[in-house]
PDB file of all heavy atoms in Angstrom:
ATOM      1  N   ALA A   1       6.439  -0.659   4.730  1.00  0.00           N
ATOM      2  CA  ALA A   1       7.322  -1.193   3.700  1.00  0.00           C
ATOM      3  C   ALA A   1       7.242  -0.469   2.363  1.00  0.00           C
ATOM      4  O   ALA A   1       8.192  -0.512   1.579  1.00  0.00           O
ATOM      5  CB  ALA A   1       7.002  -2.676   3.492  1.00  0.00           C
ATOM      6  N   PHE A   2       6.118   0.212   2.092  1.00  0.00           N
ATOM      7  CA  PHE A   2       5.949   0.817   0.773  1.00  0.00           C
ATOM      8  C   PHE A   2       6.397   2.272   0.710  1.00  0.00           C
ATOM      9  O   PHE A   2       6.437   2.861  -0.375  1.00  0.00           O
ATOM     10  CB  PHE A   2       4.480   0.749   0.334  1.00  0.00           C
ATOM     11  CG  PHE A   2       3.864  -0.621   0.405  1.00  0.00           C
ATOM     12  CD1 PHE A   2       2.498  -0.772   0.583  1.00  0.00           C
ATOM     13  CD2 PHE A   2       4.641  -1.769   0.288  1.00  0.00           C
ATOM     14  CE1 PHE A   2       1.921  -2.033   0.652  1.00  0.00           C
ATOM     15  CE2 PHE A   2       4.077  -3.037   0.357  1.00  0.00           C
ATOM     16  CZ  PHE A   2       2.709  -3.160   0.542  1.00  0.00           C
ATOM     17  N   LEU A   3       6.703   2.880   1.847  1.00  0.00           N
ATOM     18  CA  LEU A   3       6.947   4.320   1.879  1.00  0.00           C
ATOM     19  C   LEU A   3       8.103   4.743   0.976  1.00  0.00           C
ATOM     20  O   LEU A   3       7.995   5.709   0.212  1.00  0.00           O
ATOM     21  CB  LEU A   3       7.208   4.785   3.309  1.00  0.00           C
ATOM     22  CG  LEU A   3       7.600   6.271   3.464  1.00  0.00           C
ATOM     23  CD1 LEU A   3       6.524   7.175   2.888  1.00  0.00           C
ATOM     24  CD2 LEU A   3       7.861   6.604   4.928  1.00  0.00           C
ATOM     25  N   GLU A   4       9.214   4.040   1.059  1.00  0.00           N
ATOM     26  CA  GLU A   4      10.393   4.452   0.284  1.00  0.00           C
ATOM     27  C   GLU A   4      10.095   4.480  -1.211  1.00  0.00           C
ATOM     28  O   GLU A   4      10.493   5.420  -1.919  1.00  0.00           O
ATOM     29  CB  GLU A   4      11.564   3.506   0.574  1.00  0.00           C
ATOM     30  CG  GLU A   4      12.860   3.928  -0.101  1.00  0.00           C
ATOM     31  CD  GLU A   4      14.040   3.064   0.299  1.00  0.00           C
ATOM     32  OE1 GLU A   4      13.909   2.296   1.283  1.00  0.00           O
ATOM     33  OE2 GLU A   4      15.082   3.145  -0.367  1.00  0.00           O
ATOM     34  N   GLN A   5       9.369   3.478  -1.693  1.00  0.00           N
ATOM     35  CA  GLN A   5       9.046   3.449  -3.117  1.00  0.00           C
ATOM     36  C   GLN A   5       8.031   4.532  -3.487  1.00  0.00           C
ATOM     37  O   GLN A   5       8.094   5.115  -4.584  1.00  0.00           O
ATOM     38  CB  GLN A   5       8.515   2.069  -3.520  1.00  0.00           C
ATOM     39  CG  GLN A   5       9.573   0.969  -3.480  1.00  0.00           C
ATOM     40  CD  GLN A   5       9.066  -0.312  -4.120  1.00  0.00           C
ATOM     41  OE1 GLN A   5       8.717  -0.332  -5.290  1.00  0.00           O
ATOM     42  NE2 GLN A   5       9.023  -1.379  -3.328  1.00  0.00           N
ATOM     43  N   ILE A   6       7.090   4.804  -2.596  1.00  0.00           N
ATOM     44  CA  ILE A   6       6.142   5.897  -2.854  1.00  0.00           C
ATOM     45  C   ILE A   6       6.900   7.211  -3.007  1.00  0.00           C
ATOM     46  O   ILE A   6       6.633   8.011  -3.910  1.00  0.00           O
ATOM     47  CB  ILE A   6       5.104   6.000  -1.720  1.00  0.00           C
ATOM     48  CG1 ILE A   6       4.161   4.788  -1.733  1.00  0.00           C
ATOM     49  CG2 ILE A   6       4.309   7.301  -1.827  1.00  0.00           C
ATOM     50  CD1 ILE A   6       3.244   4.704  -2.928  1.00  0.00           C
ATOM     51  N   LEU A   7       7.879   7.437  -2.157  1.00  0.00           N
ATOM     52  CA  LEU A   7       8.680   8.661  -2.239  1.00  0.00           C
ATOM     53  C   LEU A   7       9.499   8.711  -3.524  1.00  0.00           C
ATOM     54  O   LEU A   7       9.744   9.791  -4.075  1.00  0.00           O
ATOM     55  CB  LEU A   7       9.598   8.767  -1.020  1.00  0.00           C
ATOM     56  CG  LEU A   7       8.907   8.981   0.331  1.00  0.00           C
ATOM     57  CD1 LEU A   7       9.934   8.965   1.462  1.00  0.00           C
ATOM     58  CD2 LEU A   7       8.135  10.292   0.341  1.00  0.00           C
ATOM     59  N   SER A   8       9.903   7.533  -4.008  1.00  0.00           N
ATOM     60  CA  SER A   8      10.702   7.483  -5.233  1.00  0.00           C
ATOM     61  C   SER A   8       9.852   7.713  -6.475  1.00  0.00           C
ATOM     62  O   SER A   8      10.379   7.980  -7.560  1.00  0.00           O
ATOM     63  CB  SER A   8      11.413   6.128  -5.347  1.00  0.00           C
ATOM     64  OG  SER A   8      10.502   5.103  -5.722  1.00  0.00           O
ATOM     65  N   GLY A   9       8.521   7.584  -6.334  1.00  0.00           N
ATOM     66  CA  GLY A   9       7.626   7.804  -7.460  1.00  0.00           C
ATOM     67  C   GLY A   9       7.192   6.550  -8.185  1.00  0.00           C
ATOM     68  O   GLY A   9       6.455   6.631  -9.175  1.00  0.00           O
ATOM     69  N   ARG A  10       7.579   5.373  -7.698  1.00  0.00           N
ATOM     70  CA  ARG A  10       7.179   4.119  -8.345  1.00  0.00           C
ATOM     71  C   ARG A  10       7.132   3.003  -7.309  1.00  0.00           C
ATOM     72  O   ARG A  10       8.142   2.687  -6.684  1.00  0.00           O
ATOM     73  CB  ARG A  10       8.141   3.740  -9.464  1.00  0.00           C
ATOM     74  CG  ARG A  10       7.748   2.444 -10.207  1.00  0.00           C
ATOM     75  CD  ARG A  10       8.802   2.072 -11.245  1.00  0.00           C
ATOM     76  NE  ARG A  10       8.884   3.087 -12.273  1.00  0.00           N
ATOM     77  CZ  ARG A  10       8.160   3.067 -13.399  1.00  0.00           C
ATOM     78  NH1 ARG A  10       7.335   2.089 -13.613  1.00  0.00           N
ATOM     79  NH2 ARG A  10       8.292   4.018 -14.289  1.00  0.00           N
ATOM     80  N   LEU A  11       5.948   2.410  -7.163  1.00  0.00           N
ATOM     81  CA  LEU A  11       5.777   1.258  -6.270  1.00  0.00           C
ATOM     82  C   LEU A  11       5.706  -0.001  -7.120  1.00  0.00           C
ATOM     83  O   LEU A  11       4.871  -0.109  -8.026  1.00  0.00           O
ATOM     84  CB  LEU A  11       4.497   1.406  -5.442  1.00  0.00           C
ATOM     85  CG  LEU A  11       4.168   0.246  -4.486  1.00  0.00           C
ATOM     86  CD1 LEU A  11       5.255   0.073  -3.433  1.00  0.00           C
ATOM     87  CD2 LEU A  11       2.811   0.462  -3.825  1.00  0.00           C
ATOM     88  N   GLN A  12       6.570  -0.965  -6.833  1.00  0.00           N
ATOM     89  CA  GLN A  12       6.636  -2.214  -7.576  1.00  0.00           C
ATOM     90  C   GLN A  12       6.307  -3.379  -6.639  1.00  0.00           C
ATOM     91  O   GLN A  12       7.021  -3.630  -5.667  1.00  0.00           O
ATOM     92  CB  GLN A  12       8.036  -2.410  -8.173  1.00  0.00           C
ATOM     93  CG  GLN A  12       8.426  -1.333  -9.177  1.00  0.00           C
ATOM     94  CD  GLN A  12       9.851  -1.510  -9.671  1.00  0.00           C
ATOM     95  OE1 GLN A  12      10.782  -1.652  -8.882  1.00  0.00           O
ATOM     96  NE2 GLN A  12      10.025  -1.500 -10.987  1.00  0.00           N
ATOM     97  N   LEU A  13       5.210  -4.083  -6.947  1.00  0.00           N
ATOM     98  CA  LEU A  13       4.767  -5.200  -6.126  1.00  0.00           C
ATOM     99  C   LEU A  13       4.222  -6.309  -7.023  1.00  0.00           C
ATOM    100  O   LEU A  13       3.763  -6.045  -8.136  1.00  0.00           O
ATOM    101  CB  LEU A  13       3.652  -4.757  -5.159  1.00  0.00           C
ATOM    102  CG  LEU A  13       4.015  -3.731  -4.085  1.00  0.00           C
ATOM    103  CD1 LEU A  13       2.757  -3.301  -3.334  1.00  0.00           C
ATOM    104  CD2 LEU A  13       5.050  -4.283  -3.126  1.00  0.00           C
ATOM    105  N   PRO A  14       4.215  -7.553  -6.520  1.00  0.00           N
ATOM    106  CA  PRO A  14       3.663  -8.665  -7.298  1.00  0.00           C
ATOM    107  C   PRO A  14       2.159  -8.801  -7.090  1.00  0.00           C
ATOM    108  O   PRO A  14       1.642  -9.887  -6.801  1.00  0.00           O
ATOM    109  CB  PRO A  14       4.422  -9.873  -6.737  1.00  0.00           C
ATOM    110  CG  PRO A  14       4.635  -9.519  -5.311  1.00  0.00           C
ATOM    111  CD  PRO A  14       4.883  -8.029  -5.288  1.00  0.00           C
ATOM    112  N   ALA A  15       1.435  -7.704  -7.207  1.00  0.00           N
ATOM    113  CA  ALA A  15      -0.017  -7.696  -7.003  1.00  0.00           C
ATOM    114  C   ALA A  15      -0.677  -7.111  -8.237  1.00  0.00           C
ATOM    115  O   ALA A  15      -0.324  -6.013  -8.668  1.00  0.00           O
ATOM    116  CB  ALA A  15      -0.370  -6.879  -5.763  1.00  0.00           C
ATOM    117  N   GLY A  16      -1.639  -7.846  -8.792  1.00  0.00           N
ATOM    118  CA  GLY A  16      -2.306  -7.409 -10.006  1.00  0.00           C
ATOM    119  C   GLY A  16      -3.611  -6.688  -9.723  1.00  0.00           C
ATOM    120  O   GLY A  16      -3.636  -5.690  -9.015  1.00  0.00           O
ATOM    121  N   GLU A  17      -4.700  -7.228 -10.268  1.00  0.00           N
ATOM    122  CA  GLU A  17      -5.983  -6.538 -10.191  1.00  0.00           C
ATOM    123  C   GLU A  17      -6.863  -7.014  -9.036  1.00  0.00           C
ATOM    124  O   GLU A  17      -8.055  -6.708  -9.009  1.00  0.00           O
ATOM    125  CB  GLU A  17      -6.723  -6.701 -11.518  1.00  0.00           C
ATOM    126  CG  GLU A  17      -5.992  -6.068 -12.698  1.00  0.00           C
ATOM    127  CD  GLU A  17      -5.592  -4.627 -12.430  1.00  0.00           C
ATOM    128  OE1 GLU A  17      -6.477  -3.818 -12.064  1.00  0.00           O
ATOM    129  OE2 GLU A  17      -4.385  -4.301 -12.564  1.00  0.00           O
ATOM    130  N   VAL A  18      -6.302  -7.762  -8.108  1.00  0.00           N
ATOM    131  CA  VAL A  18      -7.053  -8.149  -6.915  1.00  0.00           C
ATOM    132  C   VAL A  18      -7.209  -6.927  -6.013  1.00  0.00           C
ATOM    133  O   VAL A  18      -6.260  -6.190  -5.775  1.00  0.00           O
ATOM    134  CB  VAL A  18      -6.342  -9.286  -6.162  1.00  0.00           C
ATOM    135  CG1 VAL A  18      -7.031  -9.568  -4.829  1.00  0.00           C
ATOM    136  CG2 VAL A  18      -6.303 -10.536  -7.016  1.00  0.00           C
ATOM    137  N   SER A  19      -8.397  -6.715  -5.510  1.00  0.00           N
ATOM    138  CA  SER A  19      -8.659  -5.539  -4.679  1.00  0.00           C
ATOM    139  C   SER A  19      -8.589  -5.885  -3.203  1.00  0.00           C
ATOM    140  O   SER A  19      -8.801  -7.031  -2.798  1.00  0.00           O
ATOM    141  CB  SER A  19     -10.027  -4.937  -5.014  1.00  0.00           C
ATOM    142  OG  SER A  19     -11.056  -5.898  -4.813  1.00  0.00           O
ATOM    143  N   GLU A  20      -8.308  -4.877  -2.401  1.00  0.00           N
ATOM    144  CA  GLU A  20      -8.155  -5.026  -0.950  1.00  0.00           C
ATOM    145  C   GLU A  20      -8.828  -3.838  -0.272  1.00  0.00           C
ATOM    146  O   GLU A  20      -8.584  -2.682  -0.637  1.00  0.00           O
ATOM    147  CB  GLU A  20      -6.670  -5.061  -0.581  1.00  0.00           C
ATOM    148  CG  GLU A  20      -6.374  -5.070   0.906  1.00  0.00           C
ATOM    149  CD  GLU A  20      -6.685  -6.385   1.599  1.00  0.00           C
ATOM    150  OE1 GLU A  20      -6.865  -7.394   0.891  1.00  0.00           O
ATOM    151  OE2 GLU A  20      -6.754  -6.407   2.837  1.00  0.00           O
ATOM    152  N   PRO A  21      -9.696  -4.066   0.720  1.00  0.00           N
ATOM    153  CA  PRO A  21     -10.345  -2.964   1.433  1.00  0.00           C
ATOM    154  C   PRO A  21      -9.444  -2.435   2.551  1.00  0.00           C
ATOM    155  O   PRO A  21      -9.640  -2.729   3.731  1.00  0.00           O
ATOM    156  CB  PRO A  21     -11.624  -3.596   1.978  1.00  0.00           C
ATOM    157  CG  PRO A  21     -11.264  -5.033   2.185  1.00  0.00           C
ATOM    158  CD  PRO A  21     -10.242  -5.375   1.138  1.00  0.00           C
ATOM    159  N   PHE A  22      -8.448  -1.656   2.183  1.00  0.00           N
ATOM    160  CA  PHE A  22      -7.435  -1.178   3.130  1.00  0.00           C
ATOM    161  C   PHE A  22      -8.079  -0.513   4.344  1.00  0.00           C
ATOM    162  O   PHE A  22      -9.003   0.288   4.216  1.00  0.00           O
ATOM    163  CB  PHE A  22      -6.499  -0.186   2.436  1.00  0.00           C
ATOM    164  CG  PHE A  22      -5.708  -0.777   1.297  1.00  0.00           C
ATOM    165  CD1 PHE A  22      -6.112  -0.580  -0.021  1.00  0.00           C
ATOM    166  CD2 PHE A  22      -4.574  -1.529   1.540  1.00  0.00           C
ATOM    167  CE1 PHE A  22      -5.387  -1.124  -1.074  1.00  0.00           C
ATOM    168  CE2 PHE A  22      -3.840  -2.079   0.499  1.00  0.00           C
ATOM    169  CZ  PHE A  22      -4.255  -1.878  -0.821  1.00  0.00           C
ATOM    170  N   ILE A  23      -7.541  -0.835   5.529  1.00  0.00           N
ATOM    171  CA  ILE A  23      -8.078  -0.315   6.787  1.00  0.00           C
ATOM    172  C   ILE A  23      -7.127   0.716   7.375  1.00  0.00           C
ATOM    173  O   ILE A  23      -5.909   0.526   7.379  1.00  0.00           O
ATOM    174  CB  ILE A  23      -8.324  -1.467   7.799  1.00  0.00           C
ATOM    175  CG1 ILE A  23      -8.894  -0.951   9.127  1.00  0.00           C
ATOM    176  CG2 ILE A  23      -7.045  -2.259   8.052  1.00  0.00           C
ATOM    177  CD1 ILE A  23     -10.333  -0.595   9.065  1.00  0.00           C
ATOM    178  N   ASP A  24      -7.673   1.806   7.871  1.00  0.00           N
ATOM    179  CA  ASP A  24      -6.879   2.842   8.522  1.00  0.00           C
ATOM    180  C   ASP A  24      -6.476   2.361   9.918  1.00  0.00           C
ATOM    181  O   ASP A  24      -7.317   1.895  10.692  1.00  0.00           O
ATOM    182  CB  ASP A  24      -7.715   4.124   8.632  1.00  0.00           C
ATOM    183  CG  ASP A  24      -6.903   5.349   8.988  1.00  0.00           C
ATOM    184  OD1 ASP A  24      -5.978   5.235   9.827  1.00  0.00           O
ATOM    185  OD2 ASP A  24      -7.194   6.434   8.450  1.00  0.00           O
ATOM    186  N   ALA A  25      -5.202   2.477  10.249  1.00  0.00           N
ATOM    187  CA  ALA A  25      -4.723   2.047  11.567  1.00  0.00           C
ATOM    188  C   ALA A  25      -5.397   2.815  12.690  1.00  0.00           C
ATOM    189  O   ALA A  25      -5.506   2.302  13.816  1.00  0.00           O
ATOM    190  CB  ALA A  25      -3.205   2.210  11.655  1.00  0.00           C
ATOM    191  N   ASP A  26      -5.865   4.030  12.416  1.00  0.00           N
ATOM    192  CA  ASP A  26      -6.596   4.780  13.444  1.00  0.00           C
ATOM    193  C   ASP A  26      -7.930   4.110  13.755  1.00  0.00           C
ATOM    194  O   ASP A  26      -8.386   4.134  14.908  1.00  0.00           O
ATOM    195  CB  ASP A  26      -6.814   6.223  12.992  1.00  0.00           C
ATOM    196  CG  ASP A  26      -5.545   7.052  13.079  1.00  0.00           C
ATOM    197  OD1 ASP A  26      -4.873   6.993  14.130  1.00  0.00           O
ATOM    198  OD2 ASP A  26      -5.212   7.746  12.110  1.00  0.00           O
ATOM    199  N   ASP A  27      -8.558   3.509  12.760  1.00  0.00           N
ATOM    200  CA  ASP A  27      -9.794   2.768  13.017  1.00  0.00           C
ATOM    201  C   ASP A  27      -9.516   1.524  13.854  1.00  0.00           C
ATOM    202  O   ASP A  27     -10.293   1.171  14.749  1.00  0.00           O
ATOM    203  CB  ASP A  27     -10.443   2.352  11.697  1.00  0.00           C
ATOM    204  CG  ASP A  27     -11.115   3.512  10.973  1.00  0.00           C
ATOM    205  OD1 ASP A  27     -11.230   4.599  11.564  1.00  0.00           O
ATOM    206  OD2 ASP A  27     -11.522   3.330   9.809  1.00  0.00           O
ATOM    207  N   ILE A  28      -8.396   0.859  13.567  1.00  0.00           N
ATOM    208  CA  ILE A  28      -8.024  -0.314  14.368  1.00  0.00           C
ATOM    209  C   ILE A  28      -7.781   0.108  15.810  1.00  0.00           C
ATOM    210  O   ILE A  28      -8.222  -0.562  16.752  1.00  0.00           O
ATOM    211  CB  ILE A  28      -6.773  -0.996  13.795  1.00  0.00           C
ATOM    212  CG1 ILE A  28      -7.039  -1.497  12.380  1.00  0.00           C
ATOM    213  CG2 ILE A  28      -6.326  -2.146  14.697  1.00  0.00           C
ATOM    214  CD1 ILE A  28      -5.806  -2.040  11.687  1.00  0.00           C
ATOM    215  N   ALA A  29      -7.071   1.214  16.000  1.00  0.00           N
ATOM    216  CA  ALA A  29      -6.785   1.701  17.358  1.00  0.00           C
ATOM    217  C   ALA A  29      -8.070   2.026  18.102  1.00  0.00           C
ATOM    218  O   ALA A  29      -8.229   1.672  19.281  1.00  0.00           O
ATOM    219  CB  ALA A  29      -5.878   2.923  17.294  1.00  0.00           C
TER     220      ALA A  29
END
């Protein structure tokens, strides 16, 4: 869902300073 905005140069989301330990899908696989 975020790819198009990343390509545009600006990602806009309703998320502030809460952190998330993002997981690589290759690790899940």
